[in-house]
Amino acid sequence: MSAPTASSIPASRLRLLPHGLAWLALPAGLLQAFSLAWPGTGTPSGTLQLLSLAVLAGLLQRAQRPAAGLWVGALFALSWLSGTFWWLFISMHTYGGLPAPLAVLAVLGLAAFLGSYYALAALLYARWQARLASVLQRSVLFAALWTLAELLRGQMFTGFPWGAGGYAQVEGLAPWLAPWLGVYGVGAVVAWAAALLAETVRLGFVRWRSRLGLRPPAMGLVLGGLVWAVLSAWPAPEWGASSAPLEVRLLQGNIPQDEKFQAGSGVPMALKWYGSELMDNDRALVVAPETALPLLPQQLPVGYWRTLLERYGVAPATGSDPAVPAQAALLGVPLGSEALGYTNSVVGLRPGQASLYQYDKHHLVPFGEFIPPLFHWFVAMMDIPLGDFNAGAIGQPSMDWQGQRLAPNICYEDLFGEELGQRFRQPELAPTILVNFSNIGWFGDSLAIDQHLHISRLRALEFARPMVRATNTGATALIDHQGRVLQQLPPVVRGVLRGTVQGRGLRADQGGWGITPYAWWVSRWGLAPLWGLALLTVLVLARRARQR
């Protein structure tokens, strides 16, 4: 007896078939999460991300009804997103005191809410893809809808783009594509390739035509695989030119998160250790992480703040005293007052300056640095010292020091490349070094540390600028302009990282942009070009599908 073909299966059975296969979306989504940072090693895998997304595309291509697509997309997104930021459970339960069942529900609820964008995209793809005439049209539709879902997650309701698919490509296609397209563009290209792969498998193109060769579509698949492998291994082109090297000293205090803001334990521990390291600095620049000093300057012990200012030649009493060494410091500290409001800030101490350099965090964390409307009841259930901070301006100036322009960003601000890009509008004033100040001790010794490191690596690729990271618990690291980790401290230990960072700026001949194409267009239009291209693509292909 021959096996039944699709045409011989009753339509009612065929419609039910995807619901049985839909559960494959759960392991596929989990593999998407693991592709961002593999458990145990923390390494990303662009190939795993491609295959995971191809499974999703393949399941949607089998969906006979939009409802089946919605179900597949929802399962995939829930598994992927909860598997990506499961460590939020640690902050809410371990440090926040929220009962474990409620903390689990909160993580799943957030994943389900953010996953609704992908579920809607899957529904629309399942509705339209079968009516499109060509493989190319169907694969482009999948990539456009995926990109719209990614953009919605990254920008709606302040945005939470942690774990966007493109970050898995930091050691894959991103070195080639990120300087042109950014992380969302990288994700779009991979989504297109995944849909093509799924179509190839579904239509049976991967078969021997004879002992001597393959069908042409399968040959295209093999050629695409070779291009993927070569680009993943071949060094990417250079952008800009090297500026002067800068010797740096990065501090990782590893102050226990449950003690960090306790007056009897963590606060004196932080003041003592960071104060000692700042005073004993032996490099041109020392960097201390976010809220390294957990008190306002006016709350510090008598003489503490002034001693630091004098050490770096900022206080009026010393001014440009030639005895002050040519050293500077960047450190995280809250600033402000009850009357003026508070900011999560970085201050820069430089000799010969009558005032401090100051950077105020622009993109604040919901529930961490401000409480969204209608959610005070939820925050009241947790024992977390939450702030109600004022947001700084976007595109704040860099700190000039020894021929470098140092551009701070605080915590998860480095997820928003479109906001960091505002500093690149004038290439001659663009940052030469990006500096991240973080404290993700809220999430313990989890994959959040590795995931955040890869996020910084991709920002370095997008802008072709090195990224210096100083964190409380990790990953404290030096990343070069090609996204490679040059040096890194082990996580969740106290330590000092000494190294040299090579800034990047205009080319030596001062010709050309001196910045990447991505930095050029994102600094002018933000993510509008990607929004417009993806929306236009969906509208055109949806119209063709309706006409058929």
Protein backbone atom coordinates (compact mmCIF):
# COMPACT_ATOMS: atom_id res chain seq x y z
CA MET A 1 0.00 0.00 0.00
CA SER A 2 1.38 3.41 -0.91
CA ALA A 3 1.63 6.19 1.62
CA PRO A 4 -1.19 8.75 1.47
CA THR A 5 -0.41 12.05 -0.19
CA ALA A 6 -1.52 15.47 0.98
CA SER A 7 -4.19 15.51 -1.72
CA SER A 8 -5.67 12.20 -0.47
CA ILE A 9 -6.05 13.30 3.16
CA PRO A 10 -9.48 14.75 3.97
CA ALA A 11 -9.42 18.48 4.49
CA SER A 12 -10.78 18.12 8.01
CA ARG A 13 -7.84 15.90 9.00
CA LEU A 14 -5.34 18.19 7.30
CA ARG A 15 -6.61 21.16 9.28
CA LEU A 16 -6.10 19.28 12.53
CA LEU A 17 -2.61 18.07 11.63
CA PRO A 18 -0.76 21.28 12.60
CA HIS A 19 -2.20 21.19 16.11
CA GLY A 20 -0.34 17.95 16.79
CA LEU A 21 2.88 19.31 15.34
CA ALA A 22 2.44 22.64 17.11
CA TRP A 23 4.03 21.28 20.25
CA LEU A 24 7.33 21.11 18.38
CA ALA A 25 7.30 24.90 18.71
CA LEU A 26 8.15 24.55 22.42
CA PRO A 27 11.56 22.84 22.00
CA ALA A 28 12.25 25.01 18.95
CA GLY A 29 11.64 28.13 21.02
CA LEU A 30 13.87 26.84 23.78
CA LEU A 31 16.67 26.24 21.28
CA GLN A 32 16.20 29.84 20.12
CA ALA A 33 16.83 30.92 23.73
CA PHE A 34 19.88 28.65 24.01
CA SER A 35 21.31 30.05 20.76
CA LEU A 36 21.78 33.40 22.53
CA ALA A 37 23.99 31.86 25.23
CA TRP A 38 24.35 28.09 25.60
CA PRO A 39 23.89 26.93 29.23
CA GLY A 40 27.20 26.03 30.81
CA THR A 41 29.40 27.80 28.28
CA GLY A 42 27.55 31.06 27.59
CA THR A 43 28.53 30.95 23.91
CA PRO A 44 26.14 32.08 21.16
CA SER A 45 25.30 29.97 18.11
CA GLY A 46 24.07 31.58 14.93
CA THR A 47 23.57 28.20 13.27
CA LEU A 48 21.35 26.96 16.09
CA GLN A 49 19.30 30.14 15.86
CA LEU A 50 18.83 29.65 12.10
CA LEU A 51 17.69 26.04 12.54
CA SER A 52 15.34 26.93 15.39
CA LEU A 53 13.71 29.66 13.33
CA ALA A 54 13.50 27.30 10.35
CA VAL A 55 11.46 24.89 12.46
CA LEU A 56 9.05 27.71 13.31
CA ALA A 57 8.74 28.69 9.65
CA GLY A 58 8.21 25.07 8.67
CA LEU A 59 5.44 24.59 11.21
CA LEU A 60 3.71 27.75 10.02
CA GLN A 61 3.96 26.61 6.41
CA ARG A 62 1.97 23.49 7.37
CA ALA A 63 -0.72 25.48 9.14
CA GLN A 64 -3.98 25.24 7.21
CA ARG A 65 -5.79 27.84 9.27
CA PRO A 66 -4.66 31.16 10.81
CA ALA A 67 -5.66 29.87 14.26
CA ALA A 68 -3.10 27.09 13.93
CA GLY A 69 -0.44 29.68 13.08
CA LEU A 70 -1.41 31.74 16.10
CA TRP A 71 -1.06 28.69 18.34
CA VAL A 72 2.36 27.76 16.92
CA GLY A 73 3.68 31.32 17.18
CA ALA A 74 2.44 31.72 20.75
CA LEU A 75 4.05 28.48 21.92
CA PHE A 76 7.36 29.31 20.21
CA ALA A 77 7.51 32.83 21.64
CA LEU A 78 6.51 31.76 25.15
CA SER A 79 9.19 29.07 25.25
CA TRP A 80 11.84 31.31 23.68
CA LEU A 81 11.27 34.41 25.78
CA SER A 82 10.72 32.72 29.14
CA GLY A 83 13.78 30.57 28.41
CA THR A 84 15.75 33.73 27.64
CA PHE A 85 14.96 35.90 30.66
CA TRP A 86 13.94 33.27 33.22
CA TRP A 87 16.50 34.89 35.54
CA LEU A 88 13.96 37.64 36.30
CA PHE A 89 12.63 35.05 38.74
CA ILE A 90 15.84 35.49 40.79
CA SER A 91 15.38 39.24 41.16
CA MET A 92 11.71 38.96 42.12
CA HIS A 93 11.88 35.90 44.38
CA THR A 94 15.42 35.66 45.79
CA TYR A 95 16.04 39.39 46.24
CA GLY A 96 12.52 40.81 46.04
CA GLY A 97 10.82 38.32 48.35
CA LEU A 98 7.93 37.68 45.95
CA PRO A 99 6.46 34.19 46.54
CA ALA A 100 7.88 31.69 44.05
CA PRO A 101 4.55 30.87 42.33
CA LEU A 102 3.86 34.56 41.74
CA ALA A 103 7.41 35.12 40.47
CA VAL A 104 6.99 32.25 37.99
CA LEU A 105 3.66 33.65 36.85
CA ALA A 106 5.21 37.10 36.44
CA VAL A 107 7.97 35.73 34.16
CA LEU A 108 5.49 33.70 32.12
CA GLY A 109 3.09 36.65 31.98
CA LEU A 110 5.80 38.97 30.64
CA ALA A 111 6.88 36.34 28.09
CA ALA A 112 3.28 35.83 27.00
CA PHE A 113 2.66 39.56 26.65
CA LEU A 114 5.81 40.17 24.60
CA GLY A 115 5.22 36.95 22.70
CA SER A 116 1.83 38.21 21.52
CA TYR A 117 3.63 40.27 18.86
CA TYR A 118 5.14 37.08 17.40
CA ALA A 119 1.86 35.19 17.73
CA LEU A 120 0.12 37.87 15.68
CA ALA A 121 2.91 37.76 13.08
CA ALA A 122 2.55 33.97 12.89
CA LEU A 123 -1.22 34.25 12.44
CA LEU A 124 -0.82 36.68 9.53
CA TYR A 125 1.87 34.54 7.92
CA ALA A 126 -0.29 31.42 8.17
CA ARG A 127 -3.18 33.36 6.63
CA TRP A 128 -1.33 34.75 3.63
CA GLN A 129 1.62 32.48 2.83
CA ALA A 130 -0.37 29.70 1.11
CA ARG A 131 -1.84 32.22 -1.34
CA LEU A 132 1.52 33.55 -2.52
CA ALA A 133 2.86 32.15 -5.75
CA SER A 134 6.58 31.83 -5.10
CA VAL A 135 9.00 30.62 -2.47
CA LEU A 136 10.72 34.00 -2.56
CA GLN A 137 7.52 35.88 -1.75
CA ARG A 138 6.64 33.56 1.13
CA SER A 139 10.13 33.75 2.65
CA VAL A 140 10.24 37.54 2.36
CA LEU A 141 6.82 37.77 4.02
CA PHE A 142 8.07 35.67 6.93
CA ALA A 143 11.14 37.89 7.37
CA ALA A 144 9.09 41.10 7.22
CA LEU A 145 6.53 39.91 9.77
CA TRP A 146 9.27 38.63 12.08
CA THR A 147 11.05 41.99 11.86
CA LEU A 148 7.87 43.89 12.72
CA ALA A 149 7.36 41.68 15.79
CA GLU A 150 10.96 42.32 16.88
CA LEU A 151 10.56 46.06 16.41
CA LEU A 152 7.31 46.11 18.37
CA ARG A 153 8.92 44.27 21.26
CA GLY A 154 11.92 46.57 21.16
CA GLN A 155 10.02 49.85 21.16
CA MET A 156 6.44 49.51 22.45
CA PHE A 157 5.82 50.43 26.11
CA THR A 158 9.45 51.65 26.54
CA GLY A 159 10.69 48.46 24.84
CA PHE A 160 12.28 45.27 26.15
CA PRO A 161 14.36 43.84 23.27
CA TRP A 162 16.52 41.57 25.46
CA GLY A 163 17.34 38.42 23.50
CA ALA A 164 16.45 39.67 20.02
CA GLY A 165 17.33 36.98 17.50
CA GLY A 166 20.19 38.91 15.88
CA TYR A 167 22.33 38.68 19.03
CA ALA A 168 22.89 34.97 18.42
CA GLN A 169 24.76 35.97 15.24
CA VAL A 170 27.50 37.92 17.05
CA GLU A 171 29.96 35.19 16.04
CA GLY A 172 28.11 34.38 12.82
CA LEU A 173 26.80 36.85 10.25
CA ALA A 174 26.71 39.92 12.48
CA PRO A 175 30.34 41.02 11.88
CA TRP A 176 29.38 41.49 8.21
CA LEU A 177 25.79 42.65 8.48
CA ALA A 178 25.55 44.60 11.75
CA PRO A 179 27.65 47.60 10.54
CA TRP A 180 25.10 47.98 7.72
CA LEU A 181 21.78 46.81 9.14
CA GLY A 182 21.99 46.68 12.94
CA VAL A 183 20.69 43.86 15.11
CA TYR A 184 17.13 43.96 13.71
CA GLY A 185 18.42 43.89 10.14
CA VAL A 186 20.62 40.92 11.00
CA GLY A 187 17.56 39.17 12.45
CA ALA A 188 15.56 39.91 9.30
CA VAL A 189 18.20 38.35 7.03
CA VAL A 190 18.37 35.24 9.22
CA ALA A 191 14.56 34.98 9.28
CA TRP A 192 14.52 35.13 5.49
CA ALA A 193 17.19 32.42 5.27
CA ALA A 194 15.30 30.27 7.80
CA ALA A 195 12.09 30.51 5.79
CA LEU A 196 13.95 29.56 2.61
CA LEU A 197 15.45 26.57 4.39
CA ALA A 198 12.05 25.46 5.63
CA GLU A 199 10.55 25.87 2.14
CA THR A 200 13.36 23.82 0.65
CA VAL A 201 12.77 20.97 3.04
CA ARG A 202 9.00 21.16 2.72
CA LEU A 203 8.97 21.07 -1.07
CA GLY A 204 11.45 18.21 -1.22
CA PHE A 205 14.15 20.13 -3.05
CA VAL A 206 16.94 18.54 -1.02
CA ARG A 207 17.07 15.32 -3.05
CA TRP A 208 19.57 13.83 -5.41
CA ARG A 209 18.59 14.49 -9.00
CA SER A 210 21.04 11.81 -10.07
CA ARG A 211 24.30 10.40 -8.92
CA LEU A 212 26.02 13.34 -10.56
CA GLY A 213 24.26 16.30 -9.01
CA LEU A 214 21.38 18.03 -7.27
CA ARG A 215 18.28 19.79 -8.42
CA PRO A 216 18.97 23.50 -8.99
CA PRO A 217 17.08 24.68 -5.87
CA ALA A 218 19.06 22.27 -3.72
CA MET A 219 22.26 23.53 -5.30
CA GLY A 220 21.19 27.02 -4.26
CA LEU A 221 20.71 25.76 -0.72
CA VAL A 222 24.20 24.26 -0.71
CA LEU A 223 25.65 27.47 -2.13
CA GLY A 224 23.83 29.48 0.56
CA GLY A 225 25.28 27.19 3.22
CA LEU A 226 28.78 27.73 1.87
CA VAL A 227 28.30 31.51 1.86
CA TRP A 228 27.01 31.31 5.44
CA ALA A 229 30.04 29.28 6.54
CA VAL A 230 32.56 31.56 4.79
CA LEU A 231 31.06 34.79 6.14
CA SER A 232 30.89 33.30 9.64
CA ALA A 233 34.62 32.51 9.57
CA TRP A 234 36.13 35.23 7.33
CA PRO A 235 37.24 38.49 9.01
CA ALA A 236 34.84 41.36 8.42
CA PRO A 237 36.01 44.63 6.80
CA GLU A 238 37.38 47.46 8.92
CA TRP A 239 35.53 50.73 9.57
CA GLY A 240 37.30 53.90 10.63
CA ALA A 241 40.86 54.00 11.92
CA SER A 242 42.62 53.44 15.21
CA SER A 243 43.06 56.37 17.52
CA ALA A 244 45.48 56.55 20.44
CA PRO A 245 45.43 53.61 22.89
CA LEU A 246 44.12 54.19 26.40
CA GLU A 247 45.21 52.26 29.48
CA VAL A 248 42.23 51.39 31.64
CA ARG A 249 41.50 49.83 35.03
CA LEU A 250 38.04 48.27 35.43
CA LEU A 251 36.59 47.55 38.87
CA GLN A 252 34.27 44.67 39.72
CA GLY A 253 33.29 44.91 43.38
CA ASN A 254 30.98 41.87 43.57
CA ILE A 255 29.00 43.48 46.38
CA PRO A 256 26.25 40.98 47.36
CA GLN A 257 22.99 42.23 45.92
CA ASP A 258 21.01 41.52 49.08
CA GLU A 259 23.48 43.70 51.02
CA LYS A 260 24.34 46.36 48.43
CA PHE A 261 21.99 49.03 49.81
CA GLN A 262 22.18 47.95 53.47
CA ALA A 263 23.70 50.63 55.70
CA GLY A 264 25.26 48.07 58.02
CA SER A 265 26.90 45.82 55.44
CA GLY A 266 26.95 46.48 51.70
CA VAL A 267 27.24 50.28 51.79
CA PRO A 268 30.38 50.44 53.96
CA MET A 269 31.83 47.50 52.01
CA ALA A 270 31.36 49.34 48.71
CA LEU A 271 32.67 52.66 50.01
CA LYS A 272 35.78 51.04 51.42
CA TRP A 273 36.69 48.87 48.44
CA TYR A 274 35.83 51.24 45.61
CA GLY A 275 37.30 54.19 47.51
CA SER A 276 40.59 52.33 47.95
CA GLU A 277 40.75 51.27 44.29
CA LEU A 278 39.92 54.76 43.04
CA MET A 279 42.62 56.29 45.22
CA ASP A 280 45.24 53.68 44.20
CA ASN A 281 44.56 53.95 40.48
CA ASP A 282 47.64 53.43 38.31
CA ARG A 283 46.07 53.82 34.85
CA ALA A 284 44.99 56.70 32.64
CA LEU A 285 41.34 55.80 33.28
CA VAL A 286 39.64 53.88 36.06
CA VAL A 287 36.00 52.81 35.65
CA ALA A 288 33.68 51.78 38.49
CA PRO A 289 30.24 50.26 37.72
CA GLU A 290 26.66 51.43 38.06
CA THR A 291 25.93 52.76 41.59
CA ALA A 292 29.42 51.72 42.69
CA LEU A 293 28.90 54.36 45.36
CA PRO A 294 25.34 53.55 46.50
CA LEU A 295 24.79 56.92 48.22
CA LEU A 296 24.25 60.46 47.01
CA PRO A 297 27.45 62.55 47.25
CA GLN A 298 25.93 64.62 50.05
CA GLN A 299 25.19 61.41 52.00
CA LEU A 300 28.77 60.12 51.87
CA PRO A 301 30.96 60.20 55.00
CA VAL A 302 32.51 63.58 55.75
CA GLY A 303 35.46 64.27 53.46
CA TYR A 304 34.95 61.16 51.30
CA TRP A 305 33.74 62.94 48.17
CA ARG A 306 36.15 65.83 48.47
CA THR A 307 39.08 63.45 48.85
CA LEU A 308 38.15 61.81 45.54
CA LEU A 309 37.84 65.19 43.83
CA GLU A 310 41.24 66.26 45.09
CA ARG A 311 42.80 62.94 44.09
CA TYR A 312 41.80 63.61 40.47
CA GLY A 313 42.44 67.34 40.53
CA VAL A 314 38.81 68.44 40.27
CA ALA A 315 38.41 70.36 43.53
CA PRO A 316 38.95 74.13 43.25
CA ALA A 317 41.65 73.88 45.91
CA THR A 318 43.93 71.96 43.55
CA GLY A 319 42.65 73.03 40.14
CA SER A 320 45.41 72.36 37.62
CA ASP A 321 48.01 71.42 40.22
CA PRO A 322 50.90 69.84 38.24
CA ALA A 323 51.36 67.31 41.05
CA VAL A 324 48.04 65.70 40.13
CA PRO A 325 48.71 62.67 37.85
CA ALA A 326 47.22 62.57 34.36
CA GLN A 327 44.50 60.16 35.39
CA ALA A 328 40.71 60.25 35.21
CA ALA A 329 37.86 58.28 36.73
CA LEU A 330 34.36 57.38 35.60
CA LEU A 331 32.08 56.00 38.31
CA GLY A 332 28.44 55.24 38.80
CA VAL A 333 26.65 57.20 41.52
CA PRO A 334 23.10 58.48 42.08
CA LEU A 335 22.73 62.24 41.93
CA GLY A 336 20.08 64.82 42.79
CA SER A 337 17.89 65.87 45.68
CA GLU A 338 14.33 65.50 46.89
CA ALA A 339 13.48 68.93 45.49
CA LEU A 340 15.06 68.45 42.06
CA GLY A 341 14.57 64.69 41.66
CA TYR A 342 17.17 61.96 41.30
CA THR A 343 19.13 60.50 38.41
CA ASN A 344 21.04 57.27 37.88
CA SER A 345 24.30 58.82 36.75
CA VAL A 346 27.93 58.48 35.83
CA VAL A 347 30.36 61.20 36.87
CA GLY A 348 33.75 61.86 35.35
CA LEU A 349 36.67 63.19 37.39
CA ARG A 350 39.46 64.83 35.38
CA PRO A 351 42.38 67.01 36.44
CA GLY A 352 42.18 70.68 35.71
CA GLN A 353 38.37 70.73 35.52
CA ALA A 354 36.36 73.01 37.77
CA SER A 355 33.26 70.84 37.36
CA LEU A 356 32.39 67.20 36.93
CA TYR A 357 31.46 65.46 33.73
CA GLN A 358 27.97 64.03 34.18
CA TYR A 359 25.94 61.51 32.23
CA ASP A 360 22.35 60.77 33.33
CA LYS A 361 20.70 57.54 32.31
CA HIS A 362 18.14 58.15 29.58
CA HIS A 363 16.37 54.80 29.14
CA LEU A 364 15.06 53.86 32.57
CA VAL A 365 14.06 50.33 33.59
CA PRO A 366 10.34 49.79 34.32
CA PHE A 367 9.83 48.55 37.89
CA GLY A 368 13.51 49.19 38.64
CA GLU A 369 13.95 52.92 38.06
CA PHE A 370 10.37 54.01 37.61
CA ILE A 371 7.01 52.44 38.39
CA PRO A 372 4.56 52.31 35.47
CA PRO A 373 1.03 53.53 36.14
CA LEU A 374 -1.33 50.98 37.74
CA PHE A 375 1.53 48.75 38.95
CA HIS A 376 2.26 50.17 42.41
CA TRP A 377 0.37 47.23 43.94
CA PHE A 378 2.79 44.77 42.32
CA VAL A 379 5.89 46.69 43.42
CA ALA A 380 4.55 46.91 46.98
CA MET A 381 4.71 43.10 47.19
CA MET A 382 8.50 43.09 46.75
CA ASP A 383 11.28 44.24 49.05
CA ILE A 384 13.42 45.93 46.38
CA PRO A 385 14.85 49.45 46.76
CA LEU A 386 13.20 50.95 43.69
CA GLY A 387 13.88 54.46 42.53
CA ASP A 388 11.76 57.02 40.80
CA PHE A 389 14.45 58.60 38.66
CA ASN A 390 14.41 61.43 36.17
CA ALA A 391 15.49 60.48 32.64
CA GLY A 392 18.49 62.18 31.10
CA ALA A 393 18.47 63.63 27.60
CA ILE A 394 19.16 61.44 24.59
CA GLY A 395 22.48 61.96 22.79
CA GLN A 396 24.38 63.48 25.72
CA PRO A 397 27.97 64.55 24.94
CA SER A 398 30.94 62.29 25.49
CA MET A 399 33.75 62.90 27.97
CA ASP A 400 36.98 64.01 26.28
CA TRP A 401 40.06 62.43 27.77
CA GLN A 402 43.56 61.89 26.33
CA GLY A 403 42.41 62.09 22.72
CA GLN A 404 39.38 59.86 23.28
CA ARG A 405 35.68 60.63 23.40
CA LEU A 406 34.21 58.32 26.05
CA ALA A 407 30.46 57.68 25.71
CA PRO A 408 28.83 56.15 28.81
CA ASN A 409 25.70 54.02 28.80
CA ILE A 410 24.16 52.51 31.92
CA CYS A 411 22.93 48.93 32.35
CA TYR A 412 20.50 47.83 29.66
CA GLU A 413 20.79 51.10 27.72
CA ASP A 414 23.19 49.21 25.47
CA LEU A 415 20.19 47.24 24.16
CA PHE A 416 18.98 50.33 22.33
CA GLY A 417 21.39 50.90 19.47
CA GLU A 418 19.02 53.41 17.90
CA GLU A 419 19.47 55.61 20.99
CA LEU A 420 23.23 55.19 21.27
CA GLY A 421 23.39 56.05 17.58
CA GLN A 422 22.25 59.62 18.25
CA ARG A 423 25.82 60.40 19.30
CA PHE A 424 27.13 59.58 15.81
CA ARG A 425 25.28 62.25 13.85
CA GLN A 426 28.45 64.34 13.58
CA PRO A 427 31.26 61.88 12.73
CA GLU A 428 33.96 64.29 13.86
CA LEU A 429 32.37 64.35 17.34
CA ALA A 430 31.33 60.69 17.47
CA PRO A 431 32.48 58.55 20.40
CA THR A 432 35.75 56.70 20.00
CA ILE A 433 35.06 54.34 22.93
CA LEU A 434 31.73 53.16 24.39
CA VAL A 435 31.64 52.52 28.16
CA ASN A 436 28.95 50.39 29.83
CA PHE A 437 28.24 50.63 33.56
CA SER A 438 26.11 47.77 34.88
CA ASN A 439 24.91 45.98 37.96
CA ILE A 440 23.02 42.81 37.09
CA GLY A 441 23.72 41.26 40.46
CA TRP A 442 19.91 41.15 40.74
CA PHE A 443 20.03 38.06 38.50
CA GLY A 444 22.70 36.05 40.30
CA ASP A 445 25.27 33.91 38.49
CA SER A 446 22.96 33.26 35.55
CA LEU A 447 23.05 33.42 31.76
CA ALA A 448 22.03 37.07 32.04
CA ILE A 449 25.74 37.86 32.43
CA ASP A 450 26.69 36.13 29.16
CA GLN A 451 23.67 37.44 27.30
CA HIS A 452 24.48 41.02 28.30
CA LEU A 453 28.09 40.56 27.20
CA HIS A 454 26.92 39.50 23.72
CA ILE A 455 24.58 42.48 23.55
CA SER A 456 27.56 44.78 24.15
CA ARG A 457 29.57 42.88 21.55
CA LEU A 458 26.92 43.50 18.93
CA ARG A 459 26.78 47.22 19.78
CA ALA A 460 30.55 47.28 19.18
CA LEU A 461 29.97 45.69 15.76
CA GLU A 462 27.16 48.08 14.82
CA PHE A 463 29.25 51.18 15.50
CA ALA A 464 32.76 49.76 14.95
CA ARG A 465 33.76 51.07 18.36
CA PRO A 466 35.31 49.23 21.29
CA MET A 467 33.13 48.72 24.37
CA VAL A 468 34.55 48.88 27.89
CA ARG A 469 32.34 47.17 30.50
CA ALA A 470 32.62 47.72 34.26
CA THR A 471 30.05 45.73 36.24
CA ASN A 472 29.34 44.73 39.82
CA THR A 473 29.23 40.96 39.23
CA GLY A 474 30.14 40.53 35.53
CA ALA A 475 30.80 40.53 32.74
CA THR A 476 33.57 43.10 33.25
CA ALA A 477 35.41 43.04 29.93
CA LEU A 478 37.29 44.78 27.15
CA ILE A 479 35.63 44.36 23.74
CA ASP A 480 37.33 45.56 20.56
CA HIS A 481 35.65 47.29 17.61
CA GLN A 482 34.97 43.94 15.92
CA GLY A 483 33.03 42.57 18.86
CA ARG A 484 35.81 40.33 20.12
CA VAL A 485 36.34 39.92 23.86
CA LEU A 486 39.98 40.76 24.52
CA GLN A 487 39.99 40.43 28.30
CA GLN A 488 37.36 39.47 30.85
CA LEU A 489 37.15 38.95 34.60
CA PRO A 490 35.48 35.79 35.90
CA PRO A 491 31.89 36.52 36.96
CA VAL A 492 30.77 36.85 40.58
CA VAL A 493 34.26 37.52 41.97
CA ARG A 494 35.88 40.69 43.21
CA GLY A 495 38.65 41.83 40.91
CA VAL A 496 40.41 44.49 38.87
CA LEU A 497 40.90 44.22 35.12
CA ARG A 498 43.90 46.11 33.70
CA GLY A 499 44.21 46.47 29.97
CA THR A 500 44.55 48.75 26.96
CA VAL A 501 41.68 49.77 24.71
CA GLN A 502 42.23 51.01 21.17
CA GLY A 503 39.78 53.76 20.29
CA ARG A 504 38.37 54.15 16.78
CA GLY A 505 37.50 57.29 14.88
CA LEU A 506 37.84 58.88 11.46
CA ARG A 507 40.24 57.27 9.04
CA ALA A 508 43.78 58.57 9.06
CA ASP A 509 43.21 60.58 5.88
CA GLN A 510 40.02 62.09 7.40
CA GLY A 511 38.13 60.97 4.30
CA GLY A 512 34.87 59.07 4.19
CA TRP A 513 32.43 58.80 7.05
CA GLY A 514 34.61 57.40 9.81
CA ILE A 515 31.43 55.72 11.04
CA THR A 516 29.51 52.66 9.90
CA PRO A 517 26.56 52.91 7.49
CA TYR A 518 24.29 51.80 10.35
CA ALA A 519 25.58 54.60 12.59
CA TRP A 520 24.96 57.08 9.76
CA TRP A 521 21.33 56.19 9.03
CA VAL A 522 20.22 55.30 12.54
CA SER A 523 21.54 58.61 13.88
CA ARG A 524 19.30 60.46 11.42
CA TRP A 525 16.16 58.36 11.14
CA GLY A 526 16.28 55.90 14.03
CA LEU A 527 14.61 52.60 13.14
CA ALA A 528 12.10 54.24 10.77
CA PRO A 529 13.74 52.75 7.63
CA LEU A 530 13.31 49.22 8.96
CA TRP A 531 9.74 49.94 10.06
CA GLY A 532 8.89 51.40 6.67
CA LEU A 533 10.51 48.65 4.62
CA ALA A 534 8.95 45.84 6.67
CA LEU A 535 5.48 47.44 6.65
CA LEU A 536 5.61 48.15 2.93
CA THR A 537 6.68 44.59 2.21
CA VAL A 538 3.85 43.14 4.28
CA LEU A 539 1.25 45.41 2.67
CA VAL A 540 2.38 44.57 -0.87
CA LEU A 541 2.52 40.82 -0.28
CA ALA A 542 -0.75 40.78 1.67
CA ARG A 543 -2.45 42.52 -1.26
CA ARG A 544 -1.10 39.93 -3.67
CA ALA A 545 -2.29 37.14 -1.38
CA ARG A 546 -5.81 38.60 -1.23
CA GLN A 547 -5.90 38.96 -5.01
CA ARG A 548 -5.20 35.25 -5.36
